[in-house]
Amino acid sequence: MPESEILQRRADALLSQPRPSRDSIDEAQALYRQARKLRRSGAAITPRLEQHRCRLAALETSLTFLEQAESLEQIEALAAELEEQLGRRRSGHRQNRRLDSAGRGQPQALELRSPGGLALLVGRNHRQNDWIAFRQARRGDLWFHAQELPGSHVMLKSSEAPADDADLQAAADLAAHFSRGRSNRRVPVVMVPSDELQRIPGASPGTVRHRGGAVIWGVPQRALTLLASRPHEQR
């Protein structure tokens, strides 16, 4: 039970006496004031706590990207992202967003083909994740992400043609492979229609929220077969 409610009940009990004394009335009023102050404080701090939770989640994702980086270029991109996020918090979001959009090219996400020939996009950093979820997604596309684990966004371009079970499984396997659960035998992966993704105001790029979604069990090791077929220049 919240402390503000406990104080409220104590105050109510003092005033529920048949003939409350002046001291009881004064004490009850003080308890009411304290309870109101606690409620106001809780309302003010809750959004800040949510922002800090999002930042911690972004750092966990950055660590996962770093651990799974395959080239110096990927590591340098992550370092640039972290420096950019620190600068954005220091000098304000709007100015840095203008700087971010001026002079930076299109993110080069990993692109593969599903067993049925549909495009599969995999983000390898925060900017690529954001680009996949909010710039490349079309109605009918499906978004995949390891459930409650930091990792990559995977978008199956099922807007191109209907996806079959093999396509869905391939996307889930990739999301499992490019997540903190890579060493697990199986990983639960959430599948969500792309038009149900929402940005979180004030959160780092690539941070999304959604409601619902289906869960598919991804097998990280099985993604290796699909990755082996990618062009050499993307490795």
Foldseek 3Di string as FASTA:
>chain_A
DDPLVVLQVQLVVQVPDPDRDPVSPVSSVVSNVVSVVVVVVCVVCVVVVVQVVLVVLQVQLLVLLVVPDDDPVSVVVSVVQVVLVVVCVVPHPPVSVVVVVPPDDDDDFDWFAFPVGWIKTKDSHLQSLLCVLPPVADFQKKWKAFPPWHFIIMITPCVVDHDDPRRVQLSNLCRCCGTPNNVPQKTKMFIDGSVQWDDDPPHRRNDTDGDDGDIDIYGNVVNVVRVVPGDPVSD
